[in-house]
Amino acid sequence: MSSTGHCCHSSPPSDQIPPINRRLAIMGSIFLAVFAISFLAPFEALNDSMLSYLTIIWWAVLVGLLLGGVIDYFVPDGFIVRVLGKRSKVTLINAVIAGFLMSACSHGILAIAIQLYKKGASVPAVITFLLASPWANLPMTVLLFGFFGWKGILFVGGAMVIALITGLIFTFLDELGWIEGPAKDVQVEDISWDRVKNFDLQKSVKGVAAGSVSLANMVLWWILIGILAAALIGAYVPAHWFMQYLGPDFTGMLVTLLFATVLEVCSEGTSPIAFEIFNKTGALGNPFIFLMAGVATDYTEIGLLWTNIGRRTAIWLPVVTVPQILVFAVLLNKFAS
């Protein structure tokens, strides 16, 4: 395996909650300033857009950070390596199953995925988990069936297939040394559940909080950038404009891909937009691009991978996934619309 070259910091001591770092403090201040200004009358549209996005995703981000803290404090590194750290098809299937059982949206999943990587999960498993979670999880399966009927299974199945294929390709890239290696070398035998067996409420709360704050320092500033950009677009780009240009032809799919890159904030939030695209265009492939490519090309996600795992992983993600998504979308437009 190649050297890691990532930017993940080691977890802080379990009894010490780290301070907010500089990047999060700066971005948080900018976000709060823009949010405060949005309450002025000339910026009412921006205020509505920001409140809409915050209402949709605040709980998912919070759950993701808390779960990341729980994983950091309670789950032994060796257990993560055993389940998600090997170069095998079983590991990738485990990652898809883990994604299916998650109920956080894409930005909540980002926090959990980075935490899994810190604990020893392989890059292919993390990428597979990341791609499967937002669209192949149980709550979204129900939601997609509600919007699209039986055709919702095509979205869920497509997400799982693309996640697995991408995981296999990333495994090959890992073997070639073309992506970053694991965050740490952990022996599988080093599995100790002492913090679960000898549970102490006070120590556990402080330990989970320390892990959550450490994780927030790594991921939350990027999430705030994503929310701010999406809110600006939602406020000032007319909805009818992109509906008009998202046709079932190849140009329309590329435009859909562009919008997915900047608009993807939360799976539960973008699924109604995807359904509206389907209603306007009658093409099933375009909403699939909007949903799936948003996860694969979203600059928030790529930025987080770049800073927490490495630039090679971040660059390879859209290179590997976008062609698959476009091919699947073409097939949907041809045979399922």
Protein backbone atom coordinates (compact mmCIF):
# COMPACT_ATOMS: atom_id res chain seq x y z
CA MET A 1 0.00 0.00 0.00
CA SER A 2 1.07 3.56 -0.57
CA SER A 3 1.87 5.93 2.19
CA THR A 4 -1.10 7.68 3.60
CA GLY A 5 -0.39 11.34 2.95
CA HIS A 6 -3.69 12.26 4.57
CA CYS A 7 -4.53 15.09 6.93
CA CYS A 8 -6.40 13.24 9.62
CA HIS A 9 -5.21 14.12 13.09
CA SER A 10 -4.99 11.53 15.80
CA SER A 11 -7.85 11.42 18.25
CA PRO A 12 -7.43 13.59 21.34
CA PRO A 13 -7.13 12.00 24.76
CA SER A 14 -10.51 10.73 25.88
CA ASP A 15 -10.60 13.12 28.86
CA GLN A 16 -9.78 16.27 26.88
CA ILE A 17 -12.24 18.07 24.60
CA PRO A 18 -10.23 19.87 21.91
CA PRO A 19 -10.80 23.57 21.12
CA ILE A 20 -12.52 24.70 17.92
CA ASN A 21 -9.82 24.98 15.26
CA ARG A 22 -9.07 28.05 13.14
CA ARG A 23 -10.75 26.91 9.92
CA LEU A 24 -14.02 26.05 11.65
CA ALA A 25 -13.94 29.27 13.68
CA ILE A 26 -13.44 31.41 10.55
CA MET A 27 -16.02 29.59 8.43
CA GLY A 28 -18.47 29.46 11.31
CA SER A 29 -18.13 33.22 11.82
CA ILE A 30 -18.69 33.90 8.11
CA PHE A 31 -21.71 31.61 8.06
CA LEU A 32 -23.26 33.25 11.13
CA ALA A 33 -22.60 36.72 9.69
CA VAL A 34 -24.31 35.85 6.39
CA PHE A 35 -27.18 34.22 8.28
CA ALA A 36 -27.64 37.35 10.42
CA ILE A 37 -27.55 39.63 7.36
CA SER A 38 -30.13 37.41 5.64
CA PHE A 39 -32.74 38.60 8.16
CA LEU A 40 -32.62 42.07 6.57
CA ALA A 41 -35.52 42.76 4.20
CA PRO A 42 -33.49 42.86 0.92
CA PHE A 43 -32.18 39.34 1.62
CA GLU A 44 -35.46 37.62 2.47
CA ALA A 45 -34.99 35.03 -0.30
CA LEU A 46 -31.57 34.09 1.07
CA ASN A 47 -32.99 33.79 4.57
CA ASP A 48 -35.77 31.48 3.38
CA SER A 49 -33.24 29.36 1.48
CA MET A 50 -30.82 29.08 4.40
CA LEU A 51 -33.59 28.22 6.85
CA SER A 52 -34.89 25.60 4.41
CA TYR A 53 -31.52 23.87 4.14
CA LEU A 54 -30.76 24.14 7.86
CA THR A 55 -34.16 22.66 8.73
CA ILE A 56 -33.46 19.71 6.46
CA ILE A 57 -29.93 18.81 7.52
CA TRP A 58 -29.14 20.08 11.03
CA TRP A 59 -30.26 16.86 12.69
CA ALA A 60 -28.40 14.65 10.20
CA VAL A 61 -25.11 16.50 10.71
CA LEU A 62 -25.59 16.38 14.50
CA VAL A 63 -26.36 12.65 14.42
CA GLY A 64 -23.36 12.05 12.17
CA LEU A 65 -21.01 13.89 14.52
CA LEU A 66 -22.43 12.11 17.58
CA LEU A 67 -22.17 8.69 15.92
CA GLY A 68 -18.63 9.56 14.91
CA GLY A 69 -17.86 10.39 18.55
CA VAL A 70 -19.42 7.11 19.71
CA ILE A 71 -17.38 5.15 17.15
CA ASP A 72 -14.20 7.00 18.16
CA TYR A 73 -14.64 6.30 21.88
CA PHE A 74 -16.28 2.88 22.07
CA VAL A 75 -15.41 0.91 18.91
CA PRO A 76 -11.93 -0.68 18.89
CA ASP A 77 -9.74 0.10 15.89
CA GLY A 78 -9.15 -3.61 15.36
CA PHE A 79 -12.87 -4.27 14.93
CA ILE A 80 -13.13 -1.63 12.17
CA VAL A 81 -10.09 -3.16 10.45
CA ARG A 82 -11.63 -6.66 10.68
CA VAL A 83 -14.93 -5.54 9.11
CA LEU A 84 -13.86 -2.74 6.74
CA GLY A 85 -10.08 -2.86 6.48
CA LYS A 86 -9.31 -5.77 4.18
CA ARG A 87 -8.90 -5.93 0.40
CA SER A 88 -11.81 -8.22 -0.37
CA LYS A 89 -15.27 -8.32 -1.90
CA VAL A 90 -16.70 -9.23 1.52
CA THR A 91 -15.33 -5.96 2.92
CA LEU A 92 -17.10 -4.00 0.18
CA ILE A 93 -20.36 -5.86 0.79
CA ASN A 94 -19.98 -5.08 4.51
CA ALA A 95 -19.59 -1.41 3.57
CA VAL A 96 -22.80 -1.47 1.48
CA ILE A 97 -24.70 -3.20 4.31
CA ALA A 98 -23.38 -0.63 6.81
CA GLY A 99 -24.51 2.13 4.46
CA PHE A 100 -27.96 0.58 4.10
CA LEU A 101 -28.39 0.51 7.88
CA MET A 102 -27.44 4.18 8.24
CA SER A 103 -30.17 6.82 8.26
CA ALA A 104 -28.14 10.05 8.09
CA CYS A 105 -28.05 12.16 4.93
CA SER A 106 -24.92 12.59 2.84
CA HIS A 107 -23.32 15.24 5.05
CA GLY A 108 -24.01 13.23 8.18
CA ILE A 109 -22.53 10.18 6.46
CA LEU A 110 -19.41 12.19 5.59
CA ALA A 111 -18.60 12.63 9.27
CA ILE A 112 -19.11 8.93 9.97
CA ALA A 113 -17.04 7.89 6.92
CA ILE A 114 -14.09 10.05 7.95
CA GLN A 115 -14.29 8.59 11.47
CA LEU A 116 -14.27 5.04 10.06
CA TYR A 117 -11.18 5.93 8.03
CA LYS A 118 -9.44 7.32 11.12
CA LYS A 119 -10.20 4.04 12.93
CA GLY A 120 -8.58 1.89 10.23
CA ALA A 121 -11.15 1.30 7.46
CA SER A 122 -9.63 0.96 3.99
CA VAL A 123 -10.16 3.71 1.41
CA PRO A 124 -12.15 1.39 -0.94
CA ALA A 125 -14.50 0.48 1.94
CA VAL A 126 -14.92 4.13 2.95
CA ILE A 127 -15.75 5.15 -0.64
CA THR A 128 -18.21 2.25 -1.01
CA PHE A 129 -19.87 3.19 2.28
CA LEU A 130 -20.00 6.84 1.22
CA LEU A 131 -21.67 6.10 -2.13
CA ALA A 132 -24.15 3.54 -0.83
CA SER A 133 -25.34 5.38 2.27
CA PRO A 134 -27.28 8.43 1.02
CA TRP A 135 -29.35 6.60 -1.62
CA ALA A 136 -29.30 2.95 -0.62
CA ASN A 137 -30.19 3.41 3.03
CA LEU A 138 -33.44 2.14 4.50
CA PRO A 139 -35.27 5.47 5.09
CA MET A 140 -34.37 6.75 1.62
CA THR A 141 -35.57 3.49 0.06
CA VAL A 142 -39.01 4.17 1.55
CA LEU A 143 -38.90 7.83 0.47
CA LEU A 144 -37.89 7.01 -3.11
CA PHE A 145 -40.69 4.45 -3.36
CA GLY A 146 -43.07 7.15 -2.19
CA PHE A 147 -41.93 9.52 -4.94
CA PHE A 148 -41.26 7.13 -7.83
CA GLY A 149 -43.30 4.01 -7.05
CA TRP A 150 -41.73 0.73 -8.12
CA LYS A 151 -39.13 2.64 -10.15
CA GLY A 152 -37.59 3.70 -6.84
CA ILE A 153 -35.92 0.27 -6.73
CA LEU A 154 -33.93 1.31 -9.81
CA PHE A 155 -32.40 4.19 -7.85
CA VAL A 156 -31.57 2.03 -4.83
CA GLY A 157 -30.24 -0.84 -6.96
CA GLY A 158 -28.25 1.54 -9.13
CA ALA A 159 -26.67 3.16 -6.07
CA MET A 160 -25.64 -0.24 -4.68
CA VAL A 161 -24.22 -1.46 -8.00
CA ILE A 162 -22.24 1.75 -8.59
CA ALA A 163 -20.98 1.69 -4.99
CA LEU A 164 -19.75 -1.90 -5.37
CA ILE A 165 -18.16 -1.35 -8.79
CA THR A 166 -16.46 1.79 -7.52
CA GLY A 167 -15.21 -0.11 -4.48
CA LEU A 168 -13.73 -2.82 -6.72
CA ILE A 169 -12.00 -0.21 -8.89
CA PHE A 170 -10.64 1.55 -5.81
CA THR A 171 -9.37 -1.80 -4.52
CA PHE A 172 -7.45 -2.18 -7.80
CA LEU A 173 -6.11 1.38 -7.46
CA ASP A 174 -5.12 0.58 -3.87
CA GLU A 175 -3.16 -2.47 -5.01
CA LEU A 176 -1.34 -0.28 -7.55
CA GLY A 177 -0.54 2.27 -4.85
CA TRP A 178 -2.44 5.00 -6.72
CA ILE A 179 -4.55 6.07 -3.74
CA GLU A 180 -3.78 6.73 -0.10
CA GLY A 181 -3.42 3.85 2.35
CA PRO A 182 -5.20 3.40 5.69
CA ALA A 183 -4.95 6.10 8.34
CA LYS A 184 -3.24 3.75 10.78
CA ASP A 185 -1.81 0.25 10.98
CA VAL A 186 -3.83 -1.79 13.46
CA GLN A 187 -3.52 -5.48 14.25
CA VAL A 188 -6.87 -7.25 13.92
CA GLU A 189 -6.13 -9.07 17.15
CA ASP A 190 -6.07 -5.73 19.00
CA ILE A 191 -9.77 -5.76 19.82
CA SER A 192 -10.69 -4.62 23.29
CA TRP A 193 -14.21 -3.60 24.30
CA ASP A 194 -13.14 -2.42 27.76
CA ARG A 195 -14.96 0.91 27.45
CA VAL A 196 -18.20 -0.97 26.78
CA LYS A 197 -17.67 -3.64 29.44
CA ASN A 198 -16.55 -1.14 32.08
CA PHE A 199 -19.02 1.59 31.14
CA ASP A 200 -18.63 4.87 33.02
CA LEU A 201 -21.23 7.53 32.16
CA GLN A 202 -19.13 10.59 33.00
CA LYS A 203 -16.04 9.36 31.14
CA SER A 204 -18.15 8.17 28.21
CA VAL A 205 -19.94 11.51 27.77
CA LYS A 206 -16.63 13.38 27.84
CA GLY A 207 -14.98 10.85 25.51
CA VAL A 208 -17.81 10.95 22.95
CA ALA A 209 -17.86 14.76 23.12
CA ALA A 210 -14.10 14.88 22.52
CA GLY A 211 -14.42 12.61 19.49
CA SER A 212 -17.37 14.60 18.12
CA VAL A 213 -15.61 17.96 18.47
CA SER A 214 -12.44 16.57 16.90
CA LEU A 215 -14.51 15.30 13.98
CA ALA A 216 -16.39 18.62 13.70
CA ASN A 217 -13.04 20.39 13.37
CA MET A 218 -12.28 18.23 10.33
CA VAL A 219 -15.62 18.21 8.50
CA LEU A 220 -18.01 20.91 9.72
CA TRP A 221 -16.30 23.86 8.03
CA TRP A 222 -16.67 22.17 4.65
CA ILE A 223 -20.32 21.40 5.36
CA LEU A 224 -20.96 25.07 6.18
CA ILE A 225 -19.40 26.06 2.84
CA GLY A 226 -21.71 23.60 1.08
CA ILE A 227 -24.83 24.88 2.83
CA LEU A 228 -23.94 28.51 2.12
CA ALA A 229 -23.30 27.91 -1.59
CA ALA A 230 -26.44 25.82 -2.03
CA ALA A 231 -28.53 28.42 -0.19
CA LEU A 232 -27.26 31.20 -2.47
CA ILE A 233 -28.13 29.15 -5.55
CA GLY A 234 -31.51 28.20 -4.13
CA ALA A 235 -32.27 31.86 -3.42
CA TYR A 236 -31.12 33.50 -6.63
CA VAL A 237 -31.24 30.89 -9.43
CA PRO A 238 -34.85 30.56 -10.69
CA ALA A 239 -36.19 27.00 -10.42
CA HIS A 240 -37.73 27.15 -13.90
CA TRP A 241 -34.33 27.97 -15.39
CA PHE A 242 -32.68 24.66 -14.57
CA MET A 243 -35.90 22.72 -15.15
CA GLN A 244 -35.84 24.13 -18.69
CA TYR A 245 -32.32 22.90 -19.43
CA LEU A 246 -32.38 19.44 -17.83
CA GLY A 247 -33.71 17.51 -20.81
CA PRO A 248 -33.12 13.80 -21.49
CA ASP A 249 -30.40 14.43 -24.11
CA PHE A 250 -26.69 14.27 -23.35
CA THR A 251 -26.41 18.05 -22.94
CA GLY A 252 -29.29 18.00 -20.46
CA MET A 253 -27.59 15.25 -18.48
CA LEU A 254 -24.35 17.25 -18.32
CA VAL A 255 -26.26 20.31 -17.10
CA THR A 256 -27.94 18.08 -14.51
CA LEU A 257 -24.49 16.90 -13.44
CA LEU A 258 -23.36 20.50 -12.99
CA PHE A 259 -26.35 21.37 -10.82
CA ALA A 260 -25.91 18.21 -8.78
CA THR A 261 -22.34 19.27 -8.03
CA VAL A 262 -23.40 22.54 -6.39
CA LEU A 263 -26.91 21.77 -5.11
CA GLU A 264 -26.39 18.43 -3.31
CA VAL A 265 -26.88 19.17 0.38
CA CYS A 266 -29.01 16.39 1.79
CA SER A 267 -30.53 13.29 0.24
CA GLU A 268 -33.89 13.89 1.90
CA GLY A 269 -33.79 17.48 0.62
CA THR A 270 -32.75 16.80 -2.98
CA SER A 271 -35.12 13.87 -3.59
CA PRO A 272 -38.17 16.18 -3.98
CA ILE A 273 -36.17 18.26 -6.49
CA ALA A 274 -35.28 15.08 -8.36
CA PHE A 275 -38.96 14.10 -8.48
CA GLU A 276 -39.82 17.56 -9.83
CA ILE A 277 -37.19 17.09 -12.56
CA PHE A 278 -38.85 13.77 -13.43
CA ASN A 279 -42.27 15.44 -13.57
CA LYS A 280 -41.01 18.21 -15.85
CA THR A 281 -38.84 16.14 -18.19
CA GLY A 282 -40.39 12.66 -18.04
CA ALA A 283 -36.84 11.29 -18.02
CA LEU A 284 -35.82 8.95 -15.21
CA GLY A 285 -32.10 9.17 -15.95
CA ASN A 286 -31.85 12.87 -15.17
CA PRO A 287 -33.13 12.64 -11.58
CA PHE A 288 -30.81 9.65 -11.10
CA ILE A 289 -27.87 11.83 -12.16
CA PHE A 290 -29.09 14.60 -9.88
CA LEU A 291 -29.29 12.25 -6.90
CA MET A 292 -26.27 10.04 -7.47
CA ALA A 293 -23.82 12.48 -9.03
CA GLY A 294 -24.52 14.90 -6.21
CA VAL A 295 -22.87 12.41 -3.88
CA ALA A 296 -20.02 11.62 -6.29
CA THR A 297 -19.15 15.15 -7.45
CA ASP A 298 -20.26 17.40 -4.59
CA TYR A 299 -17.39 19.79 -3.85
CA THR A 300 -18.04 19.52 -0.10
CA GLU A 301 -17.43 15.78 -0.25
CA ILE A 302 -14.41 16.04 -2.55
CA GLY A 303 -12.93 18.77 -0.36
CA LEU A 304 -13.36 16.66 2.76
CA LEU A 305 -11.75 13.64 1.11
CA TRP A 306 -8.90 15.85 -0.13
CA THR A 307 -8.13 17.28 3.32
CA ASN A 308 -8.81 14.17 5.44
CA ILE A 309 -7.71 11.24 3.26
CA GLY A 310 -5.72 12.65 0.35
CA ARG A 311 -5.86 14.36 -3.01
CA ARG A 312 -5.55 11.15 -5.06
CA THR A 313 -8.66 9.63 -3.49
CA ALA A 314 -10.54 12.91 -3.97
CA ILE A 315 -9.56 13.14 -7.65
CA TRP A 316 -10.30 9.49 -8.44
CA LEU A 317 -13.81 9.61 -6.93
CA PRO A 318 -15.48 11.61 -9.76
CA VAL A 319 -13.21 10.07 -12.40
CA VAL A 320 -14.42 6.57 -11.48
CA THR A 321 -18.06 7.29 -10.63
CA VAL A 322 -19.28 9.89 -13.15
CA PRO A 323 -18.95 7.65 -16.26
CA GLN A 324 -20.87 4.88 -14.46
CA ILE A 325 -23.62 7.31 -13.44
CA LEU A 326 -23.96 8.70 -16.97
CA VAL A 327 -24.14 5.22 -18.51
CA PHE A 328 -26.79 4.11 -16.01
CA ALA A 329 -28.74 7.32 -16.62
CA VAL A 330 -28.69 6.76 -20.39
CA LEU A 331 -30.04 3.24 -19.85
CA LEU A 332 -32.79 4.59 -17.59
CA ASN A 333 -33.79 7.23 -20.15
CA LYS A 334 -33.85 4.61 -22.89
CA PHE A 335 -35.60 1.72 -21.18
CA ALA A 336 -37.35 2.94 -18.00
CA SER A 337 -38.68 6.44 -18.70
